[in-house]
């Protein structure tokens, strides 16, 4: 870690939040919390017509299809902003053969929003990858919601996962604690080490952020500042930041500002700049070299949303699997 990062760590010690004593009630009070309660319906794929008319699923939510018969179950997760029942009748659950298992998931009172179901769809996709299933499609983009709403959705999703495991339908090999905690983020984003590469810095109001470029990957170093304000305009990088804040990888320092606790990998220097600055658009030119002989700016290249060298890829371009994203072996 360079001297600039050490200075940053010394200067941005975590500040106390608002005085907690201000929240003490003046008299005995009943504490109630907002909750989302899952409705989960499971059925054999051959009964899709019956499931597709289930009134309890006539709400916004997510759905899962499972095909058995190979070394690893093949899985698909999707979301509906209006009605899960309408989506369970889609032809994709009958091609190339009927799904062995269909699962529909909604809130019992229909309180899930359009953004909520996008968050849940992403969580389901990543969790099925972590469970070792061959999952159709790329990781969904998700959505940014308020920190309070995100915590509520993670609680809801934990209930769903444990319920599916206790029913012996999904996630039998994942520990309960893992299911309740939920996935951190996509595989390959949170790292345990950083390769030697070209070194760059970016100045922020909170201090200097540091970046290492290696191959087609860009690593923001621990101790660097990051800004996240949970606005929907944050889009893709905001989704990752939201997940990292929830997981404690981004540690709160002051309003909207965080300190990065572990190396974070991105496919472009501009995405790394967006994480650090909180801007909707980030330019790789914000980074500057600090070492003689290194390029003045990072490479202006992006490799897309799919992390490089996820642990396993199968031949089909629309099916991918990944090892646990909680700690992925480093290969570039």
Protein backbone atom coordinates (compact mmCIF):
# COMPACT_ATOMS: atom_id res chain seq x y z
CA UNK A 1 0.00 0.00 0.00
CA UNK A 2 1.47 3.36 -0.95
CA UNK A 3 2.08 6.35 1.29
CA UNK A 4 -0.91 8.19 -0.18
CA UNK A 5 -3.28 5.41 0.84
CA UNK A 6 -1.74 5.25 4.31
CA UNK A 7 -2.35 8.96 4.74
CA UNK A 8 -5.91 8.48 3.54
CA UNK A 9 -6.53 5.74 6.10
CA UNK A 10 -5.24 8.01 8.83
CA UNK A 11 -7.33 10.98 7.74
CA UNK A 12 -10.72 9.35 7.15
CA UNK A 13 -11.31 7.46 10.34
CA UNK A 14 -14.94 6.51 10.67
CA UNK A 15 -16.95 9.40 12.05
CA UNK A 16 -19.70 8.76 14.60
CA UNK A 17 -23.23 8.73 13.22
CA UNK A 18 -25.95 10.95 14.59
CA UNK A 19 -26.11 10.82 18.38
CA UNK A 20 -28.02 7.55 19.03
CA UNK A 21 -29.42 9.04 22.23
CA UNK A 22 -31.64 11.25 20.09
CA UNK A 23 -33.65 8.15 19.12
CA UNK A 24 -34.44 7.06 22.68
CA UNK A 25 -38.24 7.15 23.10
CA UNK A 26 -39.69 9.35 25.81
CA UNK A 27 -41.75 6.42 27.14
CA UNK A 28 -42.10 2.66 26.63
CA UNK A 29 -42.77 2.10 22.94
CA UNK A 30 -43.53 -0.94 20.82
CA UNK A 31 -40.95 -1.28 18.06
CA UNK A 32 -42.36 -2.47 14.76
CA UNK A 33 -40.49 -3.05 11.53
CA UNK A 34 -41.72 -2.98 7.94
CA UNK A 35 -41.70 -6.48 6.54
CA UNK A 36 -42.16 -8.26 3.24
CA UNK A 37 -43.57 -11.77 3.53
CA UNK A 38 -42.91 -14.22 0.69
CA UNK A 39 -45.50 -16.31 -1.08
CA UNK A 40 -43.73 -19.24 -2.76
CA UNK A 41 -45.46 -21.65 -5.12
CA UNK A 42 -43.63 -24.70 -6.53
CA UNK A 43 -44.96 -27.13 -9.12
CA UNK A 44 -43.71 -29.65 -11.66
CA UNK A 45 -43.09 -28.05 -15.03
CA UNK A 46 -45.73 -30.17 -16.71
CA UNK A 47 -48.32 -28.34 -14.57
CA UNK A 48 -47.33 -24.89 -15.84
CA UNK A 49 -50.89 -24.13 -16.90
CA UNK A 50 -52.11 -24.65 -13.35
CA UNK A 51 -49.30 -22.54 -11.89
CA UNK A 52 -49.86 -19.83 -14.46
CA UNK A 53 -53.36 -19.29 -13.15
CA UNK A 54 -52.48 -19.29 -9.44
CA UNK A 55 -54.14 -16.19 -8.00
CA UNK A 56 -51.58 -15.89 -5.19
CA UNK A 57 -48.89 -15.24 -7.82
CA UNK A 58 -50.79 -12.48 -9.56
CA UNK A 59 -48.34 -9.89 -8.24
CA UNK A 60 -44.92 -8.54 -9.16
CA UNK A 61 -42.16 -10.98 -8.25
CA UNK A 62 -39.56 -13.41 -9.55
CA UNK A 63 -39.70 -16.93 -10.91
CA UNK A 64 -37.35 -19.87 -11.41
CA UNK A 65 -37.25 -22.79 -13.81
CA UNK A 66 -35.09 -25.88 -13.13
CA UNK A 67 -34.14 -28.64 -15.58
CA UNK A 68 -32.49 -31.81 -14.19
CA UNK A 69 -30.88 -34.73 -16.01
CA UNK A 70 -27.26 -33.53 -16.26
CA UNK A 71 -24.29 -33.21 -13.93
CA UNK A 72 -25.54 -29.83 -12.73
CA UNK A 73 -29.13 -28.63 -12.76
CA UNK A 74 -29.83 -26.02 -15.41
CA UNK A 75 -31.63 -23.00 -14.02
CA UNK A 76 -33.26 -19.80 -15.20
CA UNK A 77 -34.46 -16.84 -13.11
CA UNK A 78 -36.62 -13.98 -14.31
CA UNK A 79 -38.77 -11.17 -12.98
CA UNK A 80 -42.17 -9.73 -13.68
CA UNK A 81 -43.09 -6.17 -12.84
CA UNK A 82 -46.80 -7.01 -13.03
CA UNK A 83 -47.72 -10.67 -12.55
CA UNK A 84 -45.61 -13.78 -12.04
CA UNK A 85 -48.50 -15.97 -13.22
CA UNK A 86 -48.30 -14.47 -16.70
CA UNK A 87 -44.59 -15.23 -16.99
CA UNK A 88 -44.74 -18.84 -15.79
CA UNK A 89 -46.69 -19.75 -18.91
CA UNK A 90 -43.88 -18.57 -21.23
CA UNK A 91 -42.69 -20.97 -23.91
CA UNK A 92 -39.14 -20.88 -22.52
CA UNK A 93 -40.24 -23.27 -19.78
CA UNK A 94 -41.16 -25.86 -22.43
CA UNK A 95 -38.03 -25.58 -24.59
CA UNK A 96 -36.06 -27.67 -25.30
CA UNK A 97 -38.18 -29.73 -22.90
CA UNK A 98 -40.60 -28.83 -20.11
CA UNK A 99 -38.91 -27.60 -16.94
CA UNK A 100 -38.83 -30.17 -14.17
CA UNK A 101 -39.59 -27.56 -11.54
CA UNK A 102 -41.26 -24.17 -11.62
CA UNK A 103 -41.14 -21.74 -8.70
CA UNK A 104 -42.98 -18.44 -8.39
CA UNK A 105 -42.15 -15.93 -5.65
CA UNK A 106 -44.09 -12.82 -4.68
CA UNK A 107 -44.88 -10.77 -1.61
CA UNK A 108 -48.07 -11.93 0.06
CA UNK A 109 -49.58 -8.44 -0.13
CA UNK A 110 -48.19 -7.47 -3.53
CA UNK A 111 -45.86 -4.81 -2.12
CA UNK A 112 -42.88 -5.44 -4.43
CA UNK A 113 -42.06 -2.58 -6.80
CA UNK A 114 -40.51 -2.69 -10.26
CA UNK A 115 -37.10 -1.92 -8.78
CA UNK A 116 -37.58 -4.50 -6.01
CA UNK A 117 -38.10 -7.40 -8.39
CA UNK A 118 -35.01 -6.44 -10.39
CA UNK A 119 -32.98 -6.55 -7.17
CA UNK A 120 -34.42 -9.96 -6.30
CA UNK A 121 -33.88 -11.35 -9.81
CA UNK A 122 -30.19 -10.47 -9.60
CA UNK A 123 -29.87 -11.99 -6.12
CA UNK A 124 -31.50 -15.23 -7.29
CA UNK A 125 -29.29 -15.48 -10.37
CA UNK A 126 -26.08 -14.97 -8.37
CA UNK A 127 -27.16 -17.37 -5.62
CA UNK A 128 -27.96 -20.11 -8.15
CA UNK A 129 -24.51 -19.61 -9.67
CA UNK A 130 -22.98 -19.91 -6.22
CA UNK A 131 -24.91 -23.15 -5.70
CA UNK A 132 -23.22 -24.57 -8.81
CA UNK A 133 -26.20 -24.58 -11.16
CA UNK A 134 -25.73 -23.94 -14.87
CA UNK A 135 -27.60 -20.65 -15.11
CA UNK A 136 -29.04 -19.34 -18.37
CA UNK A 137 -28.16 -15.79 -19.32
CA UNK A 138 -25.86 -13.12 -18.00
CA UNK A 139 -26.18 -11.72 -14.51
CA UNK A 140 -29.16 -9.32 -14.47
CA UNK A 141 -28.32 -5.65 -14.03
CA UNK A 142 -30.47 -5.26 -10.93
CA UNK A 143 -31.57 -1.85 -9.63
CA UNK A 144 -30.57 0.73 -7.03
CA UNK A 145 -32.97 1.29 -4.14
CA UNK A 146 -32.58 3.04 -0.81
CA UNK A 147 -30.30 1.39 1.75
CA UNK A 148 -33.29 0.71 4.01
CA UNK A 149 -35.26 -0.89 1.18
CA UNK A 150 -32.27 -2.96 0.12
CA UNK A 151 -31.85 -4.35 3.65
CA UNK A 152 -35.55 -5.24 3.65
CA UNK A 153 -35.23 -7.03 0.31
CA UNK A 154 -32.20 -8.98 1.51
CA UNK A 155 -34.19 -10.14 4.54
CA UNK A 156 -37.06 -11.17 2.27
CA UNK A 157 -34.67 -13.03 -0.04
CA UNK A 158 -33.04 -14.85 2.89
CA UNK A 159 -36.47 -16.13 3.94
CA UNK A 160 -37.11 -17.35 0.41
CA UNK A 161 -33.79 -19.21 0.17
CA UNK A 162 -34.10 -20.93 3.54
CA UNK A 163 -37.71 -21.91 2.76
CA UNK A 164 -36.63 -23.45 -0.56
CA UNK A 165 -33.83 -25.35 1.16
CA UNK A 166 -36.07 -26.66 3.95
CA UNK A 167 -38.52 -27.80 1.27
CA UNK A 168 -35.58 -29.61 -0.41
CA UNK A 169 -36.15 -27.78 -3.67
CA UNK A 170 -33.02 -25.60 -4.05
CA UNK A 171 -29.72 -24.75 -2.38
CA UNK A 172 -29.33 -28.01 -0.45
CA UNK A 173 -25.51 -27.73 -0.46
CA UNK A 174 -25.33 -24.12 0.76
CA UNK A 175 -25.13 -23.54 4.53
CA UNK A 176 -28.07 -21.76 6.14
CA UNK A 177 -25.81 -18.92 7.27
CA UNK A 178 -24.70 -18.39 3.68
CA UNK A 179 -28.31 -18.30 2.48
CA UNK A 180 -29.36 -15.85 5.17
CA UNK A 181 -26.42 -13.56 4.47
CA UNK A 182 -26.96 -13.81 0.73
CA UNK A 183 -24.43 -13.25 -2.04
CA UNK A 184 -22.07 -10.28 -1.88
CA UNK A 185 -21.97 -9.42 -5.59
CA UNK A 186 -20.92 -10.96 -8.90
CA UNK A 187 -18.02 -13.39 -9.03
CA UNK A 188 -14.60 -11.82 -9.45
CA UNK A 189 -15.43 -8.29 -8.26
CA UNK A 190 -14.29 -8.59 -4.64
CA UNK A 191 -10.71 -9.87 -4.56
CA UNK A 192 -8.23 -11.00 -1.93
CA UNK A 193 -5.09 -9.80 -3.71
CA UNK A 194 -3.91 -7.43 -6.44
CA UNK A 195 -1.37 -8.21 -9.19
CA UNK A 196 1.60 -5.99 -9.93
CA UNK A 197 0.68 -3.57 -12.71
CA UNK A 198 0.59 0.04 -13.76
CA UNK A 199 -0.38 2.28 -10.85
CA UNK A 200 -2.69 5.30 -11.02
CA UNK A 201 -4.36 7.72 -8.61
CA UNK A 202 -7.49 9.85 -8.66
CA UNK A 203 -8.04 12.87 -6.40
CA UNK A 204 -11.35 13.17 -4.55
CA UNK A 205 -12.65 15.58 -1.89
CA UNK A 206 -12.00 12.82 0.66
CA UNK A 207 -8.48 11.92 -0.44
CA UNK A 208 -6.64 9.95 -3.09
CA UNK A 209 -8.00 6.74 -4.64
CA UNK A 210 -5.54 4.24 -6.11
CA UNK A 211 -5.89 1.96 -9.13
CA UNK A 212 -3.79 -0.87 -10.56
CA UNK A 213 -4.20 -1.93 -14.19
CA UNK A 214 -3.29 -5.51 -15.02
CA UNK A 215 -4.23 -7.12 -18.31
CA UNK A 216 -7.83 -6.15 -19.00
CA UNK A 217 -8.67 -5.64 -15.33
CA UNK A 218 -8.62 -2.56 -13.11
CA UNK A 219 -8.31 -2.90 -9.33
CA UNK A 220 -9.30 -0.14 -6.92
CA UNK A 221 -7.12 -0.59 -3.84
CA UNK A 222 -8.22 -0.89 -0.21
CA UNK A 223 -8.23 2.42 1.64
CA UNK A 224 -9.44 4.32 -1.41
CA UNK A 225 -12.54 6.48 -0.97
CA UNK A 226 -15.80 5.70 -2.78
CA UNK A 227 -18.98 7.74 -3.03
CA UNK A 228 -22.47 6.22 -3.15
CA UNK A 229 -25.76 8.03 -2.60
CA UNK A 230 -28.28 5.26 -3.48
CA UNK A 231 -29.94 7.17 -6.32
CA UNK A 232 -31.45 5.13 -9.18
CA UNK A 233 -29.35 7.11 -11.68
CA UNK A 234 -26.25 5.26 -10.42
CA UNK A 235 -27.21 2.28 -12.59
CA UNK A 236 -24.67 -0.55 -13.07
CA UNK A 237 -21.82 0.64 -10.85
CA UNK A 238 -24.39 1.82 -8.32
CA UNK A 239 -25.80 -1.71 -8.08
CA UNK A 240 -22.35 -3.07 -7.27
CA UNK A 241 -21.73 -0.27 -4.75
CA UNK A 242 -25.08 -0.98 -3.10
CA UNK A 243 -24.14 -4.64 -2.70
CA UNK A 244 -20.69 -3.78 -1.34
CA UNK A 245 -22.11 -1.31 1.18
CA UNK A 246 -24.53 -3.97 2.44
CA UNK A 247 -21.73 -6.54 2.69
CA UNK A 248 -19.42 -4.19 4.61
CA UNK A 249 -16.84 -4.02 1.80
CA UNK A 250 -17.51 -0.29 1.58
CA UNK A 251 -17.20 1.09 5.10
CA UNK A 252 -19.11 4.31 5.92
CA UNK A 253 -16.95 7.32 6.68
CA UNK A 254 -19.28 10.28 6.32
CA UNK A 255 -22.46 11.15 4.43
CA UNK A 256 -22.38 9.34 1.05
CA UNK A 257 -18.65 8.56 1.40
CA UNK A 258 -17.07 5.19 2.14
CA UNK A 259 -13.64 3.60 2.46
CA UNK A 260 -12.92 0.46 0.43
CA UNK A 261 -11.94 -2.52 2.61
CA UNK A 262 -10.93 -5.05 -0.08
CA UNK A 263 -9.61 -4.82 -3.64
CA UNK A 264 -12.45 -4.25 -6.11
CA UNK A 265 -12.05 -5.38 -9.71
CA UNK A 266 -13.66 -3.69 -12.73
CA UNK A 267 -13.54 -4.25 -16.47
CA UNK A 268 -12.79 -0.60 -17.25
CA UNK A 269 -11.04 2.35 -15.65
CA UNK A 270 -14.15 4.47 -16.23
CA UNK A 271 -16.26 2.09 -14.12
CA UNK A 272 -13.63 2.30 -11.39
CA UNK A 273 -13.81 6.11 -11.61
CA UNK A 274 -17.60 5.97 -11.21
CA UNK A 275 -17.29 3.90 -8.05
CA UNK A 276 -14.79 6.34 -6.57
CA UNK A 277 -16.51 9.59 -7.53
CA UNK A 278 -20.16 8.52 -7.46
CA UNK A 279 -20.67 10.13 -10.87
CA UNK A 280 -23.14 8.69 -13.37
CA UNK A 281 -20.42 8.87 -16.03
CA UNK A 282 -16.74 8.38 -15.31
CA UNK A 283 -13.76 8.95 -17.56
CA UNK A 284 -10.55 6.91 -17.39
CA UNK A 285 -8.72 10.21 -17.90
CA UNK A 286 -9.54 11.08 -14.27
CA UNK A 287 -6.79 8.64 -13.30
CA UNK A 288 -3.13 9.76 -13.55
CA UNK A 289 0.09 7.81 -13.28
CA UNK A 290 2.34 8.24 -10.25
CA UNK A 291 5.21 6.01 -11.38
CA UNK A 292 7.93 6.92 -13.85
CA UNK A 293 7.82 4.71 -16.90
CA UNK A 294 4.09 3.92 -16.56
CA UNK A 295 1.52 5.14 -19.09
CA UNK A 296 0.10 8.55 -18.19
CA UNK A 297 -3.48 7.24 -18.27
CA UNK A 298 -5.12 3.81 -17.95
CA UNK A 299 -6.10 1.90 -21.07
CA UNK A 300 -9.36 3.13 -22.58
CA UNK A 301 -10.91 -0.30 -22.93
CA UNK A 302 -13.90 -2.07 -21.43
CA UNK A 303 -14.40 -5.82 -21.48
CA UNK A 304 -18.12 -5.81 -20.72
CA UNK A 305 -20.14 -6.88 -17.70
CA UNK A 306 -19.08 -10.53 -17.57
CA UNK A 307 -16.10 -10.94 -15.18
CA UNK A 308 -12.98 -12.32 -16.82
CA UNK A 309 -12.04 -15.87 -15.88
CA UNK A 310 -14.96 -16.76 -13.71
CA UNK A 311 -14.12 -20.19 -12.39
CA UNK A 312 -15.99 -22.27 -14.98
CA UNK A 313 -17.67 -21.64 -18.29
CA UNK A 314 -19.61 -24.22 -20.28
CA UNK A 315 -19.67 -24.36 -24.04
CA UNK A 316 -23.04 -22.71 -24.60
CA UNK A 317 -22.75 -18.90 -24.85
CA UNK A 318 -25.95 -18.43 -22.86
CA UNK A 319 -25.09 -20.71 -19.95
CA UNK A 320 -22.47 -19.97 -17.33
CA UNK A 321 -21.48 -21.23 -13.92
CA UNK A 322 -19.16 -19.76 -11.30
CA UNK A 323 -17.42 -20.79 -8.14
CA UNK A 324 -18.19 -19.01 -4.91
CA UNK A 325 -17.85 -15.29 -5.44
CA UNK A 326 -17.06 -14.84 -1.76
CA UNK A 327 -13.45 -15.80 -2.46
CA UNK A 328 -12.46 -16.58 -6.03
CA UNK A 329 -8.98 -17.86 -6.84
CA UNK A 330 -7.03 -15.21 -8.70
CA UNK A 331 -6.28 -16.00 -12.32
CA UNK A 332 -5.97 -13.41 -15.10
